[in-house]
C-alpha atoms as a PDB file:
ATOM      1  CA  ASN A   1      36.344 186.040  24.420  1.00  0.00           C
ATOM      2  CA  GLU A   2      37.934 185.489  27.797  1.00  0.00           C
ATOM      3  CA  ASP A   3      38.565 181.813  27.008  1.00  0.00           C
ATOM      4  CA  LEU A   4      41.231 182.616  24.415  1.00  0.00           C
ATOM      5  CA  THR A   5      44.892 182.603  25.307  1.00  0.00           C
ATOM      6  CA  ASP A   6      46.931 185.846  25.282  1.00  0.00           C
ATOM      7  CA  GLU A   7      48.922 184.483  22.332  1.00  0.00           C
ATOM      8  CA  LEU A   8      45.714 184.133  20.206  1.00  0.00           C
ATOM      9  CA  ARG A   9      44.494 187.555  21.290  1.00  0.00           C
ATOM     10  CA  SER A  10      47.729 189.249  20.272  1.00  0.00           C
ATOM     11  CA  GLU A  11      48.541 187.578  16.946  1.00  0.00           C
ATOM     12  CA  ALA A  12      48.566 189.781  13.825  1.00  0.00           C
ATOM     13  CA  GLY A  13      45.067 188.843  12.745  1.00  0.00           C
ATOM     14  CA  ALA A  14      43.649 189.936  16.063  1.00  0.00           C
ATOM     15  CA  ARG A  15      44.683 193.480  15.338  1.00  0.00           C
ATOM     16  CA  ARG A  16      42.834 193.645  12.060  1.00  0.00           C
ATOM     17  CA  SER A  17      39.395 192.909  13.306  1.00  0.00           C
ATOM     18  CA  PHE A  18      37.750 196.320  12.858  1.00  0.00           C
ATOM     19  CA  PHE A  19      35.227 196.270  11.457  1.00  0.00           C
ATOM     20  CA  ALA A  20      33.603 192.880  11.228  1.00  0.00           C
ATOM     21  CA  GLY A  21      33.694 191.974   7.527  1.00  0.00           C
ATOM     22  CA  HIS A  22      31.613 188.793   7.767  1.00  0.00           C
ATOM     23  CA  THR A  23      28.894 190.612   9.682  1.00  0.00           C
ATOM     24  CA  ALA A  24      29.015 193.578   7.251  1.00  0.00           C
ATOM     25  CA  ALA A  25      28.895 191.332   4.185  1.00  0.00           C
ATOM     26  CA  THR A  26      25.966 189.299   5.515  1.00  0.00           C
ATOM     27  CA  ALA A  27      24.053 192.424   6.545  1.00  0.00           C
ATOM     28  CA  ALA A  28      24.683 194.038   3.107  1.00  0.00           C
ATOM     29  CA  ALA A  29      23.353 190.918   1.332  1.00  0.00           C
ATOM     30  CA  THR A  30      20.324 190.355   3.511  1.00  0.00           C
ATOM     31  CA  PHE A  31      19.266 194.014   3.692  1.00  0.00           C
ATOM     32  CA  PHE A  32      19.863 194.355  -0.065  1.00  0.00           C
ATOM     33  CA  ALA A  33      17.544 191.394  -0.696  1.00  0.00           C
ATOM     34  CA  ALA A  34      14.876 192.722   1.733  1.00  0.00           C
ATOM     35  CA  LYS A  35      14.995 196.205   0.139  1.00  0.00           C
ATOM     36  CA  VAL A  36      14.634 194.862  -3.372  1.00  0.00           C
ATOM     37  CA  PHE A  37      11.837 192.537  -2.254  1.00  0.00           C
ATOM     38  CA  ASN A  38      10.123 195.451  -0.496  1.00  0.00           C
ATOM     39  CA  ASP A  39      10.416 197.672  -3.657  1.00  0.00           C
ATOM     40  CA  PHE A  40       9.115 195.017  -6.017  1.00  0.00           C
ATOM     41  CA  ASN A  41       6.440 193.673  -3.715  1.00  0.00           C
ATOM     42  CA  PRO A  42       5.012 196.689  -1.845  1.00  0.00           C
ATOM     43  CA  ASP A  43       1.717 194.919  -0.925  1.00  0.00           C
ATOM     44  CA  SER A  44       3.168 191.554   0.136  1.00  0.00           C
ATOM     45  CA  ALA A  45       2.194 190.171   3.487  1.00  0.00           C
ATOM     46  CA  ALA A  46       5.614 188.578   3.728  1.00  0.00           C
ATOM     47  CA  ARG A  47       7.470 191.975   3.978  1.00  0.00           C
ATOM     48  CA  PRO A  48       7.786 191.970   7.811  1.00  0.00           C
ATOM     49  CA  TYR A  49       9.143 188.412   7.676  1.00  0.00           C
ATOM     50  CA  VAL A  50      11.680 189.286   5.045  1.00  0.00           C
ATOM     51  CA  TRP A  51      12.910 192.305   7.015  1.00  0.00           C
ATOM     52  CA  THR A  52      13.015 190.289  10.205  1.00  0.00           C
ATOM     53  CA  ALA A  53      15.163 187.636   8.503  1.00  0.00           C
ATOM     54  CA  ALA A  54      17.315 190.386   7.027  1.00  0.00           C
ATOM     55  CA  ALA A  55      17.972 191.713  10.547  1.00  0.00           C
ATOM     56  CA  LEU A  56      18.432 188.379  12.314  1.00  0.00           C
ATOM     57  CA  VAL A  57      20.826 186.528   9.942  1.00  0.00           C
ATOM     58  CA  PRO A  58      23.724 189.093  10.252  1.00  0.00           C
ATOM     59  CA  ALA A  59      23.070 189.445  13.978  1.00  0.00           C
ATOM     60  CA  TRP A  60      23.600 185.668  14.319  1.00  0.00           C
ATOM     61  CA  VAL A  61      26.778 185.847  12.200  1.00  0.00           C
ATOM     62  CA  GLY A  62      28.017 188.642  14.443  1.00  0.00           C
ATOM     63  CA  TYR A  63      27.192 186.610  17.571  1.00  0.00           C
ATOM     64  CA  LEU A  64      29.087 183.625  16.201  1.00  0.00           C
ATOM     65  CA  ARG A  65      32.092 185.790  15.338  1.00  0.00           C
ATOM     66  CA  LEU A  66      32.038 187.324  18.838  1.00  0.00           C
ATOM     67  CA  GLU A  67      31.831 183.933  20.515  1.00  0.00           C
ATOM     68  CA  GLY A  68      34.587 182.564  18.284  1.00  0.00           C
ATOM     69  CA  GLY A  69      36.843 185.302  19.537  1.00  0.00           C
ATOM     70  CA  LYS A  70      37.290 186.844  16.075  1.00  0.00           C
ATOM     71  CA  HIS A  71      35.750 190.209  16.833  1.00  0.00           C
ATOM     72  CA  PHE A  72      34.759 192.531  19.628  1.00  0.00           C
ATOM     73  CA  LEU A  73      31.143 193.614  20.103  1.00  0.00           C
ATOM     74  CA  SER A  74      31.983 197.038  18.717  1.00  0.00           C
ATOM     75  CA  ASP A  75      33.445 195.485  15.577  1.00  0.00           C
ATOM     76  CA  ASN A  76      30.194 193.610  14.968  1.00  0.00           C
ATOM     77  CA  ILE A  77      27.958 196.606  15.684  1.00  0.00           C
ATOM     78  CA  ILE A  78      29.835 198.818  13.224  1.00  0.00           C
ATOM     79  CA  GLY A  79      30.037 196.030  10.641  1.00  0.00           C
ATOM     80  CA  TYR A  80      26.303 195.411  11.035  1.00  0.00           C
ATOM     81  CA  GLY A  81      25.499 199.155  10.622  1.00  0.00           C
ATOM     82  CA  ILE A  82      27.751 199.614   7.592  1.00  0.00           C
ATOM     83  CA  GLY A  83      26.454 196.486   5.924  1.00  0.00           C
ATOM     84  CA  ALA A  84      22.814 197.280   6.560  1.00  0.00           C
ATOM     85  CA  LEU A  85      23.231 200.859   5.370  1.00  0.00           C
ATOM     86  CA  SER A  86      24.957 199.689   2.196  1.00  0.00           C
ATOM     87  CA  GLY A  87      22.271 197.043   1.560  1.00  0.00           C
ATOM     88  CA  ILE A  88      19.533 199.622   1.803  1.00  0.00           C
ATOM     89  CA  LEU A  89      21.218 202.574   0.077  1.00  0.00           C
ATOM     90  CA  ILE A  90      22.675 200.828  -2.926  1.00  0.00           C
ATOM     91  CA  PRO A  91      19.265 199.804  -4.403  1.00  0.00           C
ATOM     92  CA  GLU A  92      17.783 203.094  -3.379  1.00  0.00           C
ATOM     93  CA  LEU A  93      20.461 205.073  -5.176  1.00  0.00           C
ATOM     94  CA  HIS A  94      20.192 202.978  -8.302  1.00  0.00           C
ATOM     95  CA  LYS A  95      16.439 203.454  -8.668  1.00  0.00           C
ATOM     96  CA  LYS A  96      16.639 207.236  -8.837  1.00  0.00           C
ATOM     97  CA  GLU A  97      16.260 208.743 -12.284  1.00  0.00           C
ATOM     98  CA  ASP A  98      18.420 211.823 -11.717  1.00  0.00           C
ATOM     99  CA  PRO A  99      20.789 212.268 -14.683  1.00  0.00           C
ATOM    100  CA  ASP A 100      22.744 214.955 -12.749  1.00  0.00           C
ATOM    101  CA  PHE A 101      23.804 212.505 -10.042  1.00  0.00           C
ATOM    102  CA  THR A 102      26.128 209.583 -10.668  1.00  0.00           C
ATOM    103  CA  PHE A 103      27.333 207.003  -8.152  1.00  0.00           C
ATOM    104  CA  PHE A 104      29.651 204.131  -8.925  1.00  0.00           C
ATOM    105  CA  PRO A 105      32.354 201.955  -7.326  1.00  0.00           C
ATOM    106  CA  THR A 106      35.979 202.524  -8.183  1.00  0.00           C
ATOM    107  CA  MET A 107      38.892 200.112  -7.778  1.00  0.00           C
ATOM    108  CA  GLY A 108      42.596 200.239  -8.435  1.00  0.00           C
ATOM    109  CA  ALA A 109      45.679 198.244  -7.628  1.00  0.00           C
ATOM    110  CA  ASP A 110      45.896 199.523  -4.051  1.00  0.00           C
ATOM    111  CA  TYR A 111      42.548 201.275  -3.468  1.00  0.00           C
ATOM    112  CA  GLN A 112      38.830 200.694  -3.374  1.00  0.00           C
ATOM    113  CA  GLY A 113      36.166 203.347  -2.987  1.00  0.00           C
ATOM    114  CA  VAL A 114      33.008 204.919  -4.282  1.00  0.00           C
ATOM    115  CA  SER A 115      32.778 207.925  -6.584  1.00  0.00           C
ATOM    116  CA  MET A 116      29.845 210.302  -6.533  1.00  0.00           C
ATOM    117  CA  ARG A 117      29.218 213.293  -8.789  1.00  0.00           C
ATOM    118  CA  TYR A 118      26.475 215.845  -8.870  1.00  0.00           C
ATOM    119  CA  GLN A 119      26.356 218.240 -11.843  1.00  0.00           C
ATOM    120  CA  PHE A 120      24.658 221.563 -11.140  1.00  0.00           C
END
């Protein structure tokens, strides 16, 4: 945002903007809801509206974060993509009935991640 002072642009928080967490979290939540709605209501006439809302809400959040000078456009695009992908893949991975494949989050004192295992 060109209206911000150089001081605001160079403060410590400005260097930790990648990727846009608010946009990613909103995209994950809305796309998760749309995916679950889609899976449980395959014949619903509301499906296109649900997916449209799922796409527009995080885009609006990203726009507001961009205009507020909190993120660059690239931060929001990557955050949107990661959030949307997570929101779609998590329910998809959980509905598979493959006992040889496991997928679960892991968390420790100084790390967070995802563990996946496939047994041949």
